[in-house]
Amino acid sequence: AESGSFPTDLYIAEGVAGAVGGVDRRLVSDASELPGALG
């Protein structure tokens, strides 16, 4: 997700990661960083 997203998006992503377990929430500053983050 983008670090500048509306905060509820980041909070929910964090909550999903905690609920599912073993999930990494990875933040990029903007879409230009996506190619390097998409493993």
PDB file of all heavy atoms in Angstrom:
ATOM      1  N   ALA A   1       0.854  -1.191   0.000  1.00  0.00           N
ATOM      2  CA  ALA A   1       0.000   0.000   0.000  1.00  0.00           C
ATOM      3  C   ALA A   1       0.884   1.233   0.000  1.00  0.00           C
ATOM      4  O   ALA A   1       2.069   1.174   0.319  1.00  0.00           O
ATOM      5  CB  ALA A   1      -0.928  -0.001   1.213  1.00  0.00           C
ATOM      6  N   GLU A   2       0.282   2.373  -0.366  1.00  0.00           N
ATOM      7  CA  GLU A   2       1.001   3.644  -0.331  1.00  0.00           C
ATOM      8  C   GLU A   2       0.986   4.218   1.079  1.00  0.00           C
ATOM      9  O   GLU A   2      -0.060   4.243   1.734  1.00  0.00           O
ATOM     10  CB  GLU A   2       0.350   4.645  -1.279  1.00  0.00           C
ATOM     11  CG  GLU A   2       0.575   4.358  -2.749  1.00  0.00           C
ATOM     12  CD  GLU A   2      -0.086   5.406  -3.612  1.00  0.00           C
ATOM     13  OE1 GLU A   2      -1.324   5.433  -3.643  1.00  0.00           O
ATOM     14  OE2 GLU A   2       0.630   6.204  -4.248  1.00  0.00           O
ATOM     15  N   SER A   3       2.107   4.716   1.524  1.00  0.00           N
ATOM     16  CA  SER A   3       2.187   5.285   2.869  1.00  0.00           C
ATOM     17  C   SER A   3       1.302   6.522   3.018  1.00  0.00           C
ATOM     18  O   SER A   3       0.878   6.857   4.124  1.00  0.00           O
ATOM     19  CB  SER A   3       3.634   5.645   3.219  1.00  0.00           C
ATOM     20  OG  SER A   3       4.166   6.561   2.272  1.00  0.00           O
ATOM     21  N   GLY A   4       0.994   7.193   1.914  1.00  0.00           N
ATOM     22  CA  GLY A   4       0.149   8.376   1.965  1.00  0.00           C
ATOM     23  C   GLY A   4      -1.322   8.099   1.749  1.00  0.00           C
ATOM     24  O   GLY A   4      -2.110   9.037   1.608  1.00  0.00           O
ATOM     25  N   SER A   5      -1.714   6.816   1.735  1.00  0.00           N
ATOM     26  CA  SER A   5      -3.121   6.466   1.572  1.00  0.00           C
ATOM     27  C   SER A   5      -3.963   7.058   2.691  1.00  0.00           C
ATOM     28  O   SER A   5      -3.452   7.366   3.780  1.00  0.00           O
ATOM     29  CB  SER A   5      -3.300   4.941   1.577  1.00  0.00           C
ATOM     30  OG  SER A   5      -2.730   4.344   0.446  1.00  0.00           O
ATOM     31  N   PHE A   6      -5.259   7.165   2.441  1.00  0.00           N
ATOM     32  CA  PHE A   6      -6.128   7.574   3.539  1.00  0.00           C
ATOM     33  C   PHE A   6      -5.913   6.602   4.694  1.00  0.00           C
ATOM     34  O   PHE A   6      -5.896   5.383   4.495  1.00  0.00           O
ATOM     35  CB  PHE A   6      -7.588   7.588   3.101  1.00  0.00           C
ATOM     36  CG  PHE A   6      -8.494   8.196   4.127  1.00  0.00           C
ATOM     37  CD1 PHE A   6      -8.512   9.568   4.318  1.00  0.00           C
ATOM     38  CD2 PHE A   6      -9.291   7.399   4.934  1.00  0.00           C
ATOM     39  CE1 PHE A   6      -9.329  10.141   5.293  1.00  0.00           C
ATOM     40  CE2 PHE A   6     -10.102   7.969   5.905  1.00  0.00           C
ATOM     41  CZ  PHE A   6     -10.117   9.335   6.084  1.00  0.00           C
ATOM     42  N   PRO A   7      -5.742   7.104   5.913  1.00  0.00           N
ATOM     43  CA  PRO A   7      -5.304   6.246   7.009  1.00  0.00           C
ATOM     44  C   PRO A   7      -6.132   4.995   7.244  1.00  0.00           C
ATOM     45  O   PRO A   7      -5.581   3.948   7.616  1.00  0.00           O
ATOM     46  CB  PRO A   7      -5.352   7.188   8.216  1.00  0.00           C
ATOM     47  CG  PRO A   7      -5.058   8.532   7.641  1.00  0.00           C
ATOM     48  CD  PRO A   7      -5.750   8.531   6.306  1.00  0.00           C
ATOM     49  N   THR A   8      -7.463   5.047   7.041  1.00  0.00           N
ATOM     50  CA  THR A   8      -8.243   3.845   7.301  1.00  0.00           C
ATOM     51  C   THR A   8      -7.771   2.687   6.436  1.00  0.00           C
ATOM     52  O   THR A   8      -7.806   1.530   6.854  1.00  0.00           O
ATOM     53  CB  THR A   8      -9.756   4.092   7.117  1.00  0.00           C
ATOM     54  OG1 THR A   8     -10.476   3.078   7.824  1.00  0.00           O
ATOM     55  CG2 THR A   8     -10.178   4.072   5.669  1.00  0.00           C
ATOM     56  N   ASP A   9      -7.304   2.974   5.220  1.00  0.00           N
ATOM     57  CA  ASP A   9      -6.793   1.902   4.357  1.00  0.00           C
ATOM     58  C   ASP A   9      -5.586   1.229   4.995  1.00  0.00           C
ATOM     59  O   ASP A   9      -5.465  -0.004   4.973  1.00  0.00           O
ATOM     60  CB  ASP A   9      -6.416   2.464   2.987  1.00  0.00           C
ATOM     61  CG  ASP A   9      -7.617   2.915   2.185  1.00  0.00           C
ATOM     62  OD1 ASP A   9      -8.667   3.209   2.804  1.00  0.00           O
ATOM     63  OD2 ASP A   9      -7.519   2.988   0.946  1.00  0.00           O
ATOM     64  N   LEU A  10      -4.706   2.042   5.553  1.00  0.00           N
ATOM     65  CA  LEU A  10      -3.511   1.486   6.194  1.00  0.00           C
ATOM     66  C   LEU A  10      -3.874   0.753   7.475  1.00  0.00           C
ATOM     67  O   LEU A  10      -3.309  -0.302   7.779  1.00  0.00           O
ATOM     68  CB  LEU A  10      -2.516   2.604   6.480  1.00  0.00           C
ATOM     69  CG  LEU A  10      -2.055   3.409   5.264  1.00  0.00           C
ATOM     70  CD1 LEU A  10      -1.083   4.494   5.688  1.00  0.00           C
ATOM     71  CD2 LEU A  10      -1.413   2.494   4.225  1.00  0.00           C
ATOM     72  N   TYR A  11      -4.821   1.298   8.234  1.00  0.00           N
ATOM     73  CA  TYR A  11      -5.228   0.646   9.470  1.00  0.00           C
ATOM     74  C   TYR A  11      -5.882  -0.709   9.178  1.00  0.00           C
ATOM     75  O   TYR A  11      -5.622  -1.700   9.873  1.00  0.00           O
ATOM     76  CB  TYR A  11      -6.230   1.513  10.244  1.00  0.00           C
ATOM     77  CG  TYR A  11      -5.769   2.905  10.575  1.00  0.00           C
ATOM     78  CD1 TYR A  11      -6.697   3.910  10.837  1.00  0.00           C
ATOM     79  CD2 TYR A  11      -4.421   3.253  10.631  1.00  0.00           C
ATOM     80  CE1 TYR A  11      -6.312   5.201  11.143  1.00  0.00           C
ATOM     81  CE2 TYR A  11      -4.022   4.551  10.930  1.00  0.00           C
ATOM     82  CZ  TYR A  11      -4.967   5.519  11.188  1.00  0.00           C
ATOM     83  OH  TYR A  11      -4.583   6.801  11.485  1.00  0.00           O
ATOM     84  N   ILE A  12      -6.746  -0.749   8.170  1.00  0.00           N
ATOM     85  CA  ILE A  12      -7.406  -2.012   7.828  1.00  0.00           C
ATOM     86  C   ILE A  12      -6.391  -3.029   7.303  1.00  0.00           C
ATOM     87  O   ILE A  12      -6.446  -4.214   7.656  1.00  0.00           O
ATOM     88  CB  ILE A  12      -8.530  -1.782   6.800  1.00  0.00           C
ATOM     89  CG1 ILE A  12      -9.669  -0.981   7.434  1.00  0.00           C
ATOM     90  CG2 ILE A  12      -9.054  -3.107   6.258  1.00  0.00           C
ATOM     91  CD1 ILE A  12     -10.396  -1.675   8.572  1.00  0.00           C
ATOM     92  N   ALA A  13      -5.449  -2.572   6.474  1.00  0.00           N
ATOM     93  CA  ALA A  13      -4.405  -3.481   5.998  1.00  0.00           C
ATOM     94  C   ALA A  13      -3.600  -4.045   7.170  1.00  0.00           C
ATOM     95  O   ALA A  13      -3.252  -5.231   7.201  1.00  0.00           O
ATOM     96  CB  ALA A  13      -3.483  -2.765   5.020  1.00  0.00           C
ATOM     97  N   GLU A  14      -3.329  -3.190   8.147  1.00  0.00           N
ATOM     98  CA  GLU A  14      -2.626  -3.644   9.343  1.00  0.00           C
ATOM     99  C   GLU A  14      -3.479  -4.647  10.119  1.00  0.00           C
ATOM    100  O   GLU A  14      -2.979  -5.675  10.608  1.00  0.00           O
ATOM    101  CB  GLU A  14      -2.298  -2.444  10.220  1.00  0.00           C
ATOM    102  CG  GLU A  14      -1.478  -2.750  11.456  1.00  0.00           C
ATOM    103  CD  GLU A  14      -1.141  -1.496  12.238  1.00  0.00           C
ATOM    104  OE1 GLU A  14      -1.028  -0.413  11.636  1.00  0.00           O
ATOM    105  OE2 GLU A  14      -0.997  -1.604  13.472  1.00  0.00           O
ATOM    106  N   GLY A  15      -4.786  -4.355  10.218  1.00  0.00           N
ATOM    107  CA  GLY A  15      -5.679  -5.272  10.915  1.00  0.00           C
ATOM    108  C   GLY A  15      -5.812  -6.608  10.218  1.00  0.00           C
ATOM    109  O   GLY A  15      -5.863  -7.656  10.864  1.00  0.00           O
ATOM    110  N   VAL A  16      -5.882  -6.593   8.882  1.00  0.00           N
ATOM    111  CA  VAL A  16      -5.941  -7.838   8.117  1.00  0.00           C
ATOM    112  C   VAL A  16      -4.678  -8.657   8.341  1.00  0.00           C
ATOM    113  O   VAL A  16      -4.733  -9.878   8.550  1.00  0.00           O
ATOM    114  CB  VAL A  16      -6.148  -7.546   6.620  1.00  0.00           C
ATOM    115  CG1 VAL A  16      -5.910  -8.798   5.777  1.00  0.00           C
ATOM    116  CG2 VAL A  16      -7.553  -7.006   6.381  1.00  0.00           C
ATOM    117  N   ALA A  17      -3.532  -7.988   8.311  1.00  0.00           N
ATOM    118  CA  ALA A  17      -2.267  -8.692   8.533  1.00  0.00           C
ATOM    119  C   ALA A  17      -2.259  -9.367   9.903  1.00  0.00           C
ATOM    120  O   ALA A  17      -1.818 -10.521  10.043  1.00  0.00           O
ATOM    121  CB  ALA A  17      -1.098  -7.714   8.422  1.00  0.00           C
ATOM    122  N   GLY A  18      -2.772  -8.674  10.929  1.00  0.00           N
ATOM    123  CA  GLY A  18      -2.813  -9.266  12.253  1.00  0.00           C
ATOM    124  C   GLY A  18      -3.811 -10.394  12.367  1.00  0.00           C
ATOM    125  O   GLY A  18      -3.555 -11.403  13.037  1.00  0.00           O
ATOM    126  N   ALA A  19      -4.966 -10.245  11.697  1.00  0.00           N
ATOM    127  CA  ALA A  19      -6.004 -11.268  11.782  1.00  0.00           C
ATOM    128  C   ALA A  19      -5.620 -12.541  11.029  1.00  0.00           C
ATOM    129  O   ALA A  19      -5.885 -13.657  11.492  1.00  0.00           O
ATOM    130  CB  ALA A  19      -7.317 -10.710  11.244  1.00  0.00           C
ATOM    131  N   VAL A  20      -5.020 -12.374   9.872  1.00  0.00           N
ATOM    132  CA  VAL A  20      -4.653 -13.535   9.058  1.00  0.00           C
ATOM    133  C   VAL A  20      -3.397 -14.196   9.595  1.00  0.00           C
ATOM    134  O   VAL A  20      -3.275 -15.424   9.627  1.00  0.00           O
ATOM    135  CB  VAL A  20      -4.471 -13.114   7.583  1.00  0.00           C
ATOM    136  CG1 VAL A  20      -3.935 -14.268   6.743  1.00  0.00           C
ATOM    137  CG2 VAL A  20      -5.793 -12.612   7.015  1.00  0.00           C
ATOM    138  N   GLY A  21      -2.435 -13.388  10.035  1.00  0.00           N
ATOM    139  CA  GLY A  21      -1.181 -13.912  10.560  1.00  0.00           C
ATOM    140  C   GLY A  21      -0.183 -14.204   9.455  1.00  0.00           C
ATOM    141  O   GLY A  21      -0.540 -14.678   8.364  1.00  0.00           O
ATOM    142  N   GLY A  22       1.081 -13.885   9.716  1.00  0.00           N
ATOM    143  CA  GLY A  22       2.134 -14.163   8.746  1.00  0.00           C
ATOM    144  C   GLY A  22       2.091 -13.284   7.518  1.00  0.00           C
ATOM    145  O   GLY A  22       2.654 -13.632   6.479  1.00  0.00           O
ATOM    146  N   VAL A  23       1.409 -12.131   7.605  1.00  0.00           N
ATOM    147  CA  VAL A  23       1.266 -11.231   6.462  1.00  0.00           C
ATOM    148  C   VAL A  23       2.100  -9.982   6.705  1.00  0.00           C
ATOM    149  O   VAL A  23       2.070  -9.399   7.796  1.00  0.00           O
ATOM    150  CB  VAL A  23      -0.205 -10.852   6.233  1.00  0.00           C
ATOM    151  CG1 VAL A  23      -0.333  -9.794   5.143  1.00  0.00           C
ATOM    152  CG2 VAL A  23      -1.022 -12.089   5.882  1.00  0.00           C
ATOM    153  N   ASP A  24       2.824  -9.571   5.686  1.00  0.00           N
ATOM    154  CA  ASP A  24       3.673  -8.382   5.759  1.00  0.00           C
ATOM    155  C   ASP A  24       2.971  -7.228   5.067  1.00  0.00           C
ATOM    156  O   ASP A  24       2.605  -7.331   3.890  1.00  0.00           O
ATOM    157  CB  ASP A  24       5.016  -8.684   5.085  1.00  0.00           C
ATOM    158  CG  ASP A  24       5.870  -7.436   4.921  1.00  0.00           C
ATOM    159  OD1 ASP A  24       5.856  -6.596   5.830  1.00  0.00           O
ATOM    160  OD2 ASP A  24       6.560  -7.322   3.878  1.00  0.00           O
ATOM    161  N   ARG A  25       2.760  -6.122   5.801  1.00  0.00           N
ATOM    162  CA  ARG A  25       2.220  -4.907   5.182  1.00  0.00           C
ATOM    163  C   ARG A  25       3.401  -4.068   4.719  1.00  0.00           C
ATOM    164  O   ARG A  25       4.155  -3.550   5.523  1.00  0.00           O
ATOM    165  CB  ARG A  25       1.371  -4.128   6.183  1.00  0.00           C
ATOM    166  CG  ARG A  25       0.608  -2.970   5.560  1.00  0.00           C
ATOM    167  CD  ARG A  25       0.016  -2.047   6.606  1.00  0.00           C
ATOM    168  NE  ARG A  25       1.057  -1.306   7.326  1.00  0.00           N
ATOM    169  CZ  ARG A  25       0.827  -0.216   8.058  1.00  0.00           C
ATOM    170  NH1 ARG A  25      -0.397   0.243   8.195  1.00  0.00           N
ATOM    171  NH2 ARG A  25       1.821   0.399   8.694  1.00  0.00           N
ATOM    172  N   ARG A  26       3.533  -3.931   3.413  1.00  0.00           N
ATOM    173  CA  ARG A  26       4.690  -3.258   2.818  1.00  0.00           C
ATOM    174  C   ARG A  26       4.250  -1.913   2.240  1.00  0.00           C
ATOM    175  O   ARG A  26       3.345  -1.859   1.406  1.00  0.00           O
ATOM    176  CB  ARG A  26       5.289  -4.147   1.723  1.00  0.00           C
ATOM    177  CG  ARG A  26       6.578  -3.652   1.099  1.00  0.00           C
ATOM    178  CD  ARG A  26       7.102  -4.700   0.111  1.00  0.00           C
ATOM    179  NE  ARG A  26       7.296  -5.981   0.777  1.00  0.00           N
ATOM    180  CZ  ARG A  26       7.451  -7.144   0.138  1.00  0.00           C
ATOM    181  NH1 ARG A  26       7.403  -7.175  -1.185  1.00  0.00           N
ATOM    182  NH2 ARG A  26       7.638  -8.255   0.809  1.00  0.00           N
ATOM    183  N   LEU A  27       4.882  -0.832   2.658  1.00  0.00           N
ATOM    184  CA  LEU A  27       4.482   0.497   2.223  1.00  0.00           C
ATOM    185  C   LEU A  27       5.469   1.079   1.222  1.00  0.00           C
ATOM    186  O   LEU A  27       6.682   0.915   1.372  1.00  0.00           O
ATOM    187  CB  LEU A  27       4.364   1.436   3.424  1.00  0.00           C
ATOM    188  CG  LEU A  27       3.373   1.028   4.513  1.00  0.00           C
ATOM    189  CD1 LEU A  27       3.321   2.092   5.607  1.00  0.00           C
ATOM    190  CD2 LEU A  27       1.983   0.778   3.942  1.00  0.00           C
ATOM    191  N   VAL A  28       4.916   1.760   0.206  1.00  0.00           N
ATOM    192  CA  VAL A  28       5.721   2.513  -0.752  1.00  0.00           C
ATOM    193  C   VAL A  28       5.276   3.967  -0.676  1.00  0.00           C
ATOM    194  O   VAL A  28       4.143   4.270  -0.282  1.00  0.00           O
ATOM    195  CB  VAL A  28       5.550   1.969  -2.188  1.00  0.00           C
ATOM    196  CG1 VAL A  28       6.083   0.551  -2.298  1.00  0.00           C
ATOM    197  CG2 VAL A  28       4.087   2.027  -2.633  1.00  0.00           C
ATOM    198  N   SER A  29       6.156   4.880  -1.039  1.00  0.00           N
ATOM    199  CA  SER A  29       5.800   6.298  -0.941  1.00  0.00           C
ATOM    200  C   SER A  29       4.838   6.712  -2.047  1.00  0.00           C
ATOM    201  O   SER A  29       3.975   7.569  -1.842  1.00  0.00           O
ATOM    202  CB  SER A  29       7.054   7.169  -0.983  1.00  0.00           C
ATOM    203  OG  SER A  29       7.737   7.005  -2.214  1.00  0.00           O
ATOM    204  N   ASP A  30       4.966   6.122  -3.221  1.00  0.00           N
ATOM    205  CA  ASP A  30       4.020   6.373  -4.305  1.00  0.00           C
ATOM    206  C   ASP A  30       4.160   5.261  -5.333  1.00  0.00           C
ATOM    207  O   ASP A  30       4.988   4.357  -5.206  1.00  0.00           O
ATOM    208  CB  ASP A  30       4.230   7.747  -4.940  1.00  0.00           C
ATOM    209  CG  ASP A  30       5.646   7.933  -5.475  1.00  0.00           C
ATOM    210  OD1 ASP A  30       6.103   7.093  -6.277  1.00  0.00           O
ATOM    211  OD2 ASP A  30       6.295   8.913  -5.078  1.00  0.00           O
ATOM    212  N   ALA A  31       3.328   5.328  -6.378  1.00  0.00           N
ATOM    213  CA  ALA A  31       3.271   4.245  -7.364  1.00  0.00           C
ATOM    214  C   ALA A  31       4.578   4.056  -8.116  1.00  0.00           C
ATOM    215  O   ALA A  31       4.842   2.969  -8.648  1.00  0.00           O
ATOM    216  CB  ALA A  31       2.135   4.499  -8.350  1.00  0.00           C
ATOM    217  N   SER A  32       5.421   5.089  -8.167  1.00  0.00           N
ATOM    218  CA  SER A  32       6.698   4.949  -8.879  1.00  0.00           C
ATOM    219  C   SER A  32       7.599   3.901  -8.220  1.00  0.00           C
ATOM    220  O   SER A  32       8.502   3.366  -8.866  1.00  0.00           O
ATOM    221  CB  SER A  32       7.420   6.301  -8.930  1.00  0.00           C
ATOM    222  OG  SER A  32       7.801   6.720  -7.627  1.00  0.00           O
ATOM    223  N   GLU A  33       7.347   3.602  -6.937  1.00  0.00           N
ATOM    224  CA  GLU A  33       8.145   2.602  -6.234  1.00  0.00           C
ATOM    225  C   GLU A  33       7.587   1.190  -6.362  1.00  0.00           C
ATOM    226  O   GLU A  33       8.197   0.235  -5.868  1.00  0.00           O
ATOM    227  CB  GLU A  33       8.250   2.975  -4.748  1.00  0.00           C
ATOM    228  CG  GLU A  33       9.026   4.254  -4.480  1.00  0.00           C
ATOM    229  CD  GLU A  33       9.187   4.524  -2.997  1.00  0.00           C
ATOM    230  OE1 GLU A  33       8.681   3.710  -2.184  1.00  0.00           O
ATOM    231  OE2 GLU A  33       9.804   5.547  -2.640  1.00  0.00           O
ATOM    232  N   LEU A  34       6.432   1.052  -7.015  1.00  0.00           N
ATOM    233  CA  LEU A  34       5.807  -0.267  -7.111  1.00  0.00           C
ATOM    234  C   LEU A  34       6.685  -1.320  -7.783  1.00  0.00           C
ATOM    235  O   LEU A  34       6.774  -2.454  -7.303  1.00  0.00           O
ATOM    236  CB  LEU A  34       4.468  -0.176  -7.844  1.00  0.00           C
ATOM    237  CG  LEU A  34       3.246   0.189  -7.002  1.00  0.00           C
ATOM    238  CD1 LEU A  34       2.010   0.274  -7.888  1.00  0.00           C
ATOM    239  CD2 LEU A  34       3.036  -0.825  -5.892  1.00  0.00           C
ATOM    240  N   PRO A  35       7.341  -1.008  -8.910  1.00  0.00           N
ATOM    241  CA  PRO A  35       8.140  -2.058  -9.555  1.00  0.00           C
ATOM    242  C   PRO A  35       9.159  -2.703  -8.619  1.00  0.00           C
ATOM    243  O   PRO A  35       9.375  -3.926  -8.668  1.00  0.00           O
ATOM    244  CB  PRO A  35       8.830  -1.313 -10.709  1.00  0.00           C
ATOM    245  CG  PRO A  35       7.891  -0.198 -11.040  1.00  0.00           C
ATOM    246  CD  PRO A  35       7.330   0.239  -9.715  1.00  0.00           C
ATOM    247  N   GLY A  36       9.758  -1.910  -7.734  1.00  0.00           N
ATOM    248  CA  GLY A  36      10.725  -2.464  -6.810  1.00  0.00           C
ATOM    249  C   GLY A  36      10.113  -3.211  -5.647  1.00  0.00           C
ATOM    250  O   GLY A  36      10.797  -3.974  -4.958  1.00  0.00           O
ATOM    251  N   ALA A  37       8.821  -3.001  -5.407  1.00  0.00           N
ATOM    252  CA  ALA A  37       8.160  -3.641  -4.272  1.00  0.00           C
ATOM    253  C   ALA A  37       7.399  -4.902  -4.656  1.00  0.00           C
ATOM    254  O   ALA A  37       6.996  -5.676  -3.781  1.00  0.00           O
ATOM    255  CB  ALA A  37       7.193  -2.648  -3.626  1.00  0.00           C
ATOM    256  N   LEU A  38       7.208  -5.122  -5.946  1.00  0.00           N
ATOM    257  CA  LEU A  38       6.364  -6.233  -6.398  1.00  0.00           C
ATOM    258  C   LEU A  38       7.169  -7.507  -6.608  1.00  0.00           C
ATOM    259  O   LEU A  38       7.450  -7.911  -7.741  1.00  0.00           O
ATOM    260  CB  LEU A  38       5.630  -5.833  -7.688  1.00  0.00           C
ATOM    261  CG  LEU A  38       4.511  -4.815  -7.508  1.00  0.00           C
ATOM    262  CD1 LEU A  38       4.011  -4.324  -8.863  1.00  0.00           C
ATOM    263  CD2 LEU A  38       3.367  -5.428  -6.719  1.00  0.00           C
ATOM    264  N   GLY A  39       7.513  -8.150  -5.503  1.00  0.00           N
ATOM    265  CA  GLY A  39       8.173  -9.438  -5.589  1.00  0.00           C
ATOM    266  C   GLY A  39       7.158 -10.563  -5.717  1.00  0.00           C
ATOM    267  O   GLY A  39       5.941 -10.341  -5.696  1.00  0.00           O
TER     268      GLY A  39
END
